[in-house]
Amino acid sequence: MPRPAGPPPGAGGTVLVVRSDNAGDVLLAGPAVRAVAAAARRVVLLAGPRGRAAAELLPGADRVVEWCAPWIDPAPPAVTGEHLDLLDAEVRAAAPDAALILTSFHQSPLPMALLLRRAGVPWIGAISEDYPGSLLDLRHRVEGEGDVPEPERMLGLARAAGYALPAGDDGRLAVRGPLPGTAALTGPPGYVVVHPGASVPARALPPQRCAEAVAALAAAGHRVVVTGAASERELTARVAGGAAVDLGGATSLAGLASVLDRASAVVVGNTGPAHLAAAVGTPVVSLFAPVVPADRWAPYGVRRVLLGDQRAPCRGTRATTCPVPGHPCLASIGAEEIVAAVAGLIEEEAA
């Protein structure tokens, strides 16, 4: 028999919050995590390997547990009893009184709910369009699903479960401090960061366009810092050329947060560092491919300029590789547009 919907019984206790995705997705869950933390005695955050570093940065998370969800990770592990038992053991050790499963609109919470039931979690809440049977105690629905920003969507679930942000919390993205010092890498504050990589190719500005933007920003008088992961060193070196400081592979995620925190503006596609910039309050020039809707995924709660053709044929496809020859939605962005957008954000900050 299906369980009745409702909030978790009582207040306090240990709450397991699940967000099994990339770093950016975990950062967007931050307001929901803080809402839970305001009432819970302890918050255990369950993240995947690609989101673990971001989970460690979230205020309100007392402990982070890592487990790779085979139905979410792009390089999923085999579904074996041994792998499922790893999650079961972690959850039983945490002994949560309740769990909230945070997902994006295209993900189902039900596989995770089934495993959490197996591990003995007594109360589970999630957003679900699919009939959950006895897997969920709270089946939350989102009104206006098409245009709700992801942080608000997840925070709405937390509120439905009885967890509200404390007074004085504005609901923006945030990271915990102190952040590591990075002045030796970047020099003094006031530079412009260009982050050319993205989690999938469809969301990245072509490298030559990035290099042109870096050269134009430097010619306009900006100090430019190019950032990227260790796997992107060849890309960052190409984009930086002789016009910018190349920090490809030089920082941890916390170190990258520090670099972004001290920047005047960040030029970045729809990828984790865009949300990291928002979490430290730095204005963003968002090079946004419309394969997913900007209303949901653009940098949240921070001043931004959105560039890219939002009506391009790839709109709403969720493609990982651009389905349109020439990648026109982003390749159409000129270096002069990026320079103008950066100048506008800096002038607005100074006003």
Protein backbone atom coordinates (compact mmCIF):
# COMPACT_ATOMS: atom_id res chain seq x y z
CA MET A 1 0.00 0.00 0.00
CA PRO A 2 1.39 3.48 -0.87
CA ARG A 3 2.65 5.52 2.05
CA PRO A 4 0.81 8.75 2.85
CA ALA A 5 2.52 11.94 1.75
CA GLY A 6 3.78 14.26 4.43
CA PRO A 7 6.79 15.81 6.14
CA PRO A 8 9.31 13.74 8.08
CA PRO A 9 8.15 12.97 11.62
CA GLY A 10 9.59 15.32 14.22
CA ALA A 11 12.43 17.81 13.89
CA GLY A 12 16.17 17.44 14.08
CA GLY A 13 17.84 14.10 13.64
CA THR A 14 20.13 13.03 10.80
CA VAL A 15 19.02 13.85 7.26
CA LEU A 16 20.59 12.31 4.17
CA VAL A 17 20.58 14.68 1.19
CA VAL A 18 21.33 13.05 -2.16
CA ARG A 19 22.65 14.85 -5.24
CA SER A 20 24.35 12.37 -7.56
CA ASP A 21 25.69 14.41 -10.44
CA ASN A 22 28.41 16.83 -11.51
CA ALA A 23 30.03 19.61 -9.49
CA GLY A 24 27.73 22.29 -10.88
CA ASP A 25 24.62 20.30 -9.99
CA VAL A 26 25.88 19.87 -6.43
CA LEU A 27 26.58 23.60 -6.09
CA LEU A 28 23.03 24.35 -7.27
CA ALA A 29 21.75 22.14 -4.44
CA GLY A 30 23.42 24.38 -1.87
CA PRO A 31 20.35 26.40 -0.81
CA ALA A 32 18.35 23.20 -0.24
CA VAL A 33 21.20 21.72 1.82
CA ARG A 34 21.34 24.87 4.00
CA ALA A 35 17.58 24.74 4.52
CA VAL A 36 17.84 21.17 5.78
CA ALA A 37 20.84 22.04 7.95
CA ALA A 38 18.88 24.82 9.67
CA ALA A 39 16.59 22.22 11.28
CA ALA A 40 18.52 18.95 11.23
CA ARG A 41 20.98 17.87 13.90
CA ARG A 42 23.27 16.47 11.19
CA VAL A 43 23.32 16.53 7.40
CA VAL A 44 25.00 13.75 5.43
CA LEU A 45 25.42 14.63 1.76
CA LEU A 46 25.57 11.74 -0.72
CA ALA A 47 27.37 12.74 -3.92
CA GLY A 48 28.89 11.04 -6.93
CA PRO A 49 32.60 11.05 -7.78
CA ARG A 50 32.17 14.01 -10.14
CA GLY A 51 30.42 16.06 -7.46
CA ARG A 52 32.44 15.08 -4.39
CA ALA A 53 34.76 18.11 -4.41
CA ALA A 54 31.82 20.50 -4.74
CA ALA A 55 29.95 18.70 -1.95
CA GLU A 56 32.92 19.31 0.36
CA LEU A 57 32.51 23.06 -0.27
CA LEU A 58 28.82 23.31 0.65
CA PRO A 59 27.90 25.06 3.89
CA GLY A 60 25.58 22.91 6.00
CA ALA A 61 26.97 19.50 5.04
CA ASP A 62 28.45 17.80 8.09
CA ARG A 63 29.69 14.75 6.23
CA VAL A 64 30.06 13.78 2.57
CA VAL A 65 29.59 10.22 1.33
CA GLU A 66 30.60 9.25 -2.22
CA TRP A 67 28.84 6.63 -4.32
CA CYS A 68 28.57 6.40 -8.09
CA ALA A 69 24.98 6.01 -9.31
CA PRO A 70 24.92 3.71 -12.37
CA TRP A 71 21.82 5.42 -13.83
CA ILE A 72 23.36 8.93 -13.68
CA ASP A 73 27.14 8.89 -14.14
CA PRO A 74 28.24 9.18 -17.81
CA ALA A 75 30.81 6.42 -17.24
CA PRO A 76 28.66 4.18 -15.04
CA PRO A 77 29.94 1.25 -13.05
CA ALA A 78 28.41 -2.16 -13.53
CA VAL A 79 25.30 -2.86 -11.48
CA THR A 80 26.55 -5.55 -9.16
CA GLY A 81 25.54 -6.72 -5.73
CA GLU A 82 28.92 -5.63 -4.45
CA HIS A 83 28.47 -2.07 -5.72
CA LEU A 84 24.95 -1.80 -4.33
CA ASP A 85 26.17 -3.17 -1.00
CA LEU A 86 28.68 -0.33 -0.74
CA LEU A 87 25.82 2.18 -0.71
CA ASP A 88 23.80 0.05 1.68
CA ALA A 89 26.68 -0.05 4.16
CA GLU A 90 27.28 3.72 3.98
CA VAL A 91 23.61 4.55 4.49
CA ARG A 92 23.18 2.13 7.38
CA ALA A 93 26.29 3.57 9.03
CA ALA A 94 24.88 7.10 8.71
CA ALA A 95 21.49 5.90 10.07
CA PRO A 96 19.45 8.80 8.67
CA ASP A 97 16.03 9.57 10.07
CA ALA A 98 14.98 11.00 6.70
CA ALA A 99 16.32 11.47 3.18
CA LEU A 100 15.73 13.99 0.41
CA ILE A 101 16.69 12.93 -3.12
CA LEU A 102 17.54 15.96 -5.25
CA THR A 103 17.37 15.49 -9.01
CA SER A 104 17.19 17.47 -12.23
CA PHE A 105 13.92 17.55 -14.15
CA HIS A 106 15.01 14.74 -16.49
CA GLN A 107 16.12 12.35 -13.74
CA SER A 108 14.03 9.90 -11.74
CA PRO A 109 14.61 9.65 -7.98
CA LEU A 110 13.05 6.19 -7.81
CA PRO A 111 16.16 4.01 -8.32
CA MET A 112 17.84 5.79 -5.41
CA ALA A 113 14.65 5.65 -3.35
CA LEU A 114 14.51 1.89 -3.81
CA LEU A 115 18.09 1.49 -2.59
CA LEU A 116 17.51 3.78 0.38
CA ARG A 117 14.45 1.74 1.37
CA ARG A 118 16.61 -1.36 1.12
CA ALA A 119 19.08 0.34 3.49
CA GLY A 120 16.34 1.04 6.02
CA VAL A 121 15.70 4.77 5.57
CA PRO A 122 12.30 5.34 7.22
CA TRP A 123 11.24 8.53 5.41
CA ILE A 124 12.10 9.66 1.86
CA GLY A 125 11.05 12.72 -0.12
CA ALA A 126 11.67 13.59 -3.78
CA ILE A 127 10.22 15.27 -6.85
CA SER A 128 8.70 12.57 -9.02
CA GLU A 129 6.46 12.55 -12.06
CA ASP A 130 6.42 8.74 -11.98
CA TYR A 131 4.15 6.84 -9.61
CA PRO A 132 6.37 6.03 -6.61
CA GLY A 133 4.28 3.39 -4.86
CA SER A 134 5.76 2.85 -1.42
CA LEU A 135 9.17 4.28 -2.36
CA LEU A 136 8.40 7.86 -1.34
CA ASP A 137 6.71 9.36 1.69
CA LEU A 138 6.66 12.78 0.03
CA ARG A 139 6.03 12.92 -3.72
CA HIS A 140 6.51 16.58 -4.55
CA ARG A 141 5.30 18.23 -7.76
CA VAL A 142 6.70 21.47 -9.24
CA GLU A 143 4.36 24.10 -10.64
CA GLY A 144 5.66 25.86 -13.76
CA GLU A 145 8.24 23.09 -14.18
CA GLY A 146 9.48 24.47 -17.50
CA ASP A 147 11.07 27.66 -16.21
CA VAL A 148 11.98 27.06 -12.56
CA PRO A 149 15.71 27.56 -11.86
CA GLU A 150 17.32 24.40 -10.54
CA PRO A 151 18.23 25.86 -7.11
CA GLU A 152 14.62 26.96 -6.56
CA ARG A 153 13.31 23.60 -7.72
CA MET A 154 15.41 21.76 -5.16
CA LEU A 155 14.72 24.30 -2.43
CA GLY A 156 11.01 23.83 -3.12
CA LEU A 157 11.34 20.15 -2.26
CA ALA A 158 13.11 21.01 0.98
CA ARG A 159 10.30 23.43 1.91
CA ALA A 160 7.66 20.83 1.12
CA ALA A 161 9.45 18.52 3.55
CA GLY A 162 9.36 21.19 6.25
CA TYR A 163 12.86 22.60 5.89
CA ALA A 164 13.14 26.36 5.34
CA LEU A 165 16.11 28.66 4.95
CA PRO A 166 16.93 30.51 8.18
CA ALA A 167 16.33 34.23 8.56
CA GLY A 168 18.99 36.23 6.75
CA ASP A 169 19.79 33.52 4.19
CA ASP A 170 19.07 34.98 0.73
CA GLY A 171 18.95 31.59 -0.99
CA ARG A 172 21.87 32.25 -3.30
CA LEU A 173 24.63 29.79 -4.02
CA ALA A 174 27.51 29.71 -1.54
CA VAL A 175 30.72 27.91 -0.60
CA ARG A 176 32.30 27.52 2.79
CA GLY A 177 35.45 29.41 3.68
CA PRO A 178 38.20 30.08 4.17
CA LEU A 179 39.31 29.49 0.60
CA PRO A 180 42.98 28.83 -0.13
CA GLY A 181 45.25 31.71 -1.09
CA THR A 182 45.88 32.00 -4.83
CA ALA A 183 47.52 35.43 -5.17
CA ALA A 184 50.84 33.78 -6.04
CA LEU A 185 49.16 32.26 -9.12
CA THR A 186 47.10 35.23 -10.29
CA GLY A 187 48.61 38.40 -8.90
CA PRO A 188 46.32 40.98 -7.25
CA PRO A 189 42.51 40.92 -7.63
CA GLY A 190 40.80 42.54 -10.58
CA TYR A 191 41.62 40.20 -13.46
CA VAL A 192 39.16 38.55 -15.88
CA VAL A 193 38.90 34.76 -15.88
CA VAL A 194 38.22 32.84 -19.10
CA HIS A 195 37.29 29.19 -18.56
CA PRO A 196 37.20 27.54 -22.02
CA GLY A 197 36.27 23.96 -21.11
CA ALA A 198 32.89 22.42 -20.42
CA SER A 199 31.58 19.11 -19.15
CA VAL A 200 30.31 18.22 -22.64
CA PRO A 201 31.49 19.56 -26.05
CA ALA A 202 28.08 20.99 -27.00
CA ARG A 203 28.38 23.58 -24.23
CA ALA A 204 31.90 24.82 -25.04
CA LEU A 205 32.90 27.81 -27.15
CA PRO A 206 35.21 26.59 -29.95
CA PRO A 207 38.85 26.91 -28.80
CA GLN A 208 39.79 29.37 -31.55
CA ARG A 209 36.94 31.66 -30.51
CA CYS A 210 38.15 31.44 -26.90
CA ALA A 211 41.68 32.35 -27.95
CA GLU A 212 40.37 35.31 -29.91
CA ALA A 213 38.37 36.47 -26.89
CA VAL A 214 41.42 36.23 -24.61
CA ALA A 215 43.53 38.25 -27.06
CA ALA A 216 40.79 40.88 -27.39
CA LEU A 217 40.36 41.17 -23.63
CA ALA A 218 44.10 41.61 -23.17
CA ALA A 219 44.18 44.22 -25.96
CA ALA A 220 41.38 46.08 -24.15
CA GLY A 221 43.63 46.37 -21.08
CA HIS A 222 42.40 43.47 -18.94
CA ARG A 223 44.65 41.06 -17.09
CA VAL A 224 43.37 37.66 -18.17
CA VAL A 225 43.63 34.34 -16.34
CA VAL A 226 42.69 31.11 -18.14
CA THR A 227 41.50 28.22 -15.96
CA GLY A 228 40.85 24.55 -16.55
CA ALA A 229 41.23 21.05 -15.19
CA ALA A 230 44.40 19.00 -15.45
CA SER A 231 42.86 17.16 -18.41
CA GLU A 232 42.41 20.51 -20.18
CA ARG A 233 46.02 21.74 -20.07
CA GLU A 234 46.46 21.56 -23.83
CA LEU A 235 43.25 23.56 -24.28
CA THR A 236 44.15 26.24 -21.72
CA ALA A 237 47.64 26.65 -23.15
CA ARG A 238 46.20 27.16 -26.63
CA VAL A 239 43.59 29.63 -25.41
CA ALA A 240 45.98 31.61 -23.17
CA GLY A 241 48.64 31.94 -25.88
CA GLY A 242 51.01 34.69 -24.82
CA ALA A 243 48.24 37.01 -23.69
CA ALA A 244 47.09 35.43 -20.41
CA VAL A 245 48.17 33.52 -17.32
CA ASP A 246 47.55 29.82 -17.89
CA LEU A 247 46.28 28.01 -14.78
CA GLY A 248 45.24 24.79 -16.50
CA GLY A 249 45.49 22.02 -13.91
CA ALA A 250 46.99 24.36 -11.32
CA THR A 251 44.20 24.40 -8.73
CA SER A 252 41.82 22.20 -6.80
CA LEU A 253 38.13 23.07 -6.95
CA ALA A 254 38.53 25.09 -3.76
CA GLY A 255 41.52 26.84 -5.32
CA LEU A 256 39.47 27.59 -8.42
CA ALA A 257 36.78 29.10 -6.19
CA SER A 258 39.45 31.39 -4.74
CA VAL A 259 40.64 32.40 -8.22
CA LEU A 260 37.07 33.17 -9.28
CA ASP A 261 36.35 35.03 -6.04
CA ARG A 262 39.11 37.55 -6.75
CA ALA A 263 38.13 38.11 -10.39
CA SER A 264 36.23 41.11 -11.73
CA ALA A 265 34.29 38.90 -14.14
CA VAL A 266 34.27 35.32 -15.43
CA VAL A 267 33.73 34.23 -19.05
CA VAL A 268 32.50 30.64 -19.04
CA GLY A 269 30.09 28.22 -20.67
CA ASN A 270 27.30 26.27 -19.01
CA THR A 271 29.52 24.15 -16.79
CA GLY A 272 30.49 23.76 -13.14
CA PRO A 273 32.79 26.81 -12.85
CA ALA A 274 29.90 29.05 -13.95
CA HIS A 275 28.01 27.97 -10.84
CA LEU A 276 31.18 28.20 -8.75
CA ALA A 277 31.57 31.82 -9.88
CA ALA A 278 27.97 32.48 -8.86
CA ALA A 279 28.65 30.84 -5.48
CA VAL A 280 31.45 33.33 -4.75
CA GLY A 281 29.42 36.26 -6.11
CA THR A 282 31.49 37.09 -9.19
CA PRO A 283 29.65 38.42 -12.28
CA VAL A 284 29.47 35.99 -15.20
CA VAL A 285 29.51 36.33 -18.96
CA SER A 286 27.64 33.12 -19.70
CA LEU A 287 28.38 31.54 -23.07
CA PHE A 288 25.21 29.50 -23.01
CA ALA A 289 24.36 26.78 -25.52
CA PRO A 290 20.56 26.24 -25.54
CA VAL A 291 20.77 22.43 -25.50
CA VAL A 292 19.30 22.88 -22.02
CA PRO A 293 17.13 25.87 -21.01
CA ALA A 294 18.87 28.95 -19.64
CA ASP A 295 15.90 29.59 -17.35
CA ARG A 296 16.93 26.48 -15.43
CA TRP A 297 20.69 26.41 -15.74
CA ALA A 298 22.12 29.90 -16.23
CA PRO A 299 24.29 31.23 -13.36
CA TYR A 300 21.94 31.84 -10.44
CA GLY A 301 21.67 34.82 -8.11
CA VAL A 302 24.55 36.79 -9.62
CA ARG A 303 24.87 39.55 -12.20
CA ARG A 304 25.29 38.00 -15.63
CA VAL A 305 25.22 38.59 -19.36
CA LEU A 306 23.89 35.69 -21.43
CA LEU A 307 25.49 35.24 -24.86
CA GLY A 308 24.67 32.62 -27.48
CA ASP A 309 21.76 32.05 -29.84
CA GLN A 310 19.02 30.73 -27.55
CA ARG A 311 16.79 29.93 -30.56
CA ALA A 312 19.33 27.77 -32.37
CA PRO A 313 18.17 24.41 -33.82
CA CYS A 314 19.90 22.54 -30.99
CA ARG A 315 17.52 24.14 -28.49
CA GLY A 316 16.23 21.71 -25.87
CA THR A 317 17.96 18.65 -27.34
CA ARG A 318 20.16 17.97 -24.27
CA ALA A 319 22.83 16.99 -26.79
CA THR A 320 26.35 16.34 -25.53
CA THR A 321 27.87 16.90 -28.99
CA CYS A 322 26.43 19.72 -31.09
CA PRO A 323 23.98 18.27 -33.65
CA VAL A 324 24.29 21.31 -35.93
CA PRO A 325 27.36 21.64 -38.20
CA GLY A 326 29.61 24.52 -37.18
CA HIS A 327 28.21 24.81 -33.63
CA PRO A 328 26.45 28.07 -34.58
CA CYS A 329 24.77 28.77 -31.24
CA LEU A 330 28.18 29.55 -29.69
CA ALA A 331 30.49 29.98 -32.68
CA SER A 332 28.43 33.03 -33.63
CA ILE A 333 29.65 34.87 -30.51
CA GLY A 334 32.33 37.38 -31.49
CA ALA A 335 35.28 38.43 -29.34
CA GLU A 336 34.00 42.00 -29.38
CA GLU A 337 30.70 40.86 -27.82
CA ILE A 338 32.58 39.20 -24.98
CA VAL A 339 34.77 42.27 -24.40
CA ALA A 340 31.67 44.50 -24.33
CA ALA A 341 29.86 42.17 -21.93
CA VAL A 342 32.84 42.09 -19.55
CA ALA A 343 33.15 45.89 -19.68
CA GLY A 344 29.46 46.28 -18.92
CA LEU A 345 29.60 44.01 -15.87
CA ILE A 346 32.70 45.74 -14.49
CA GLU A 347 31.20 49.19 -15.03
CA GLU A 348 27.97 48.11 -13.33
CA GLU A 349 29.96 46.83 -10.34
CA ALA A 350 31.86 50.11 -10.07
CA ALA A 351 28.71 52.27 -10.31
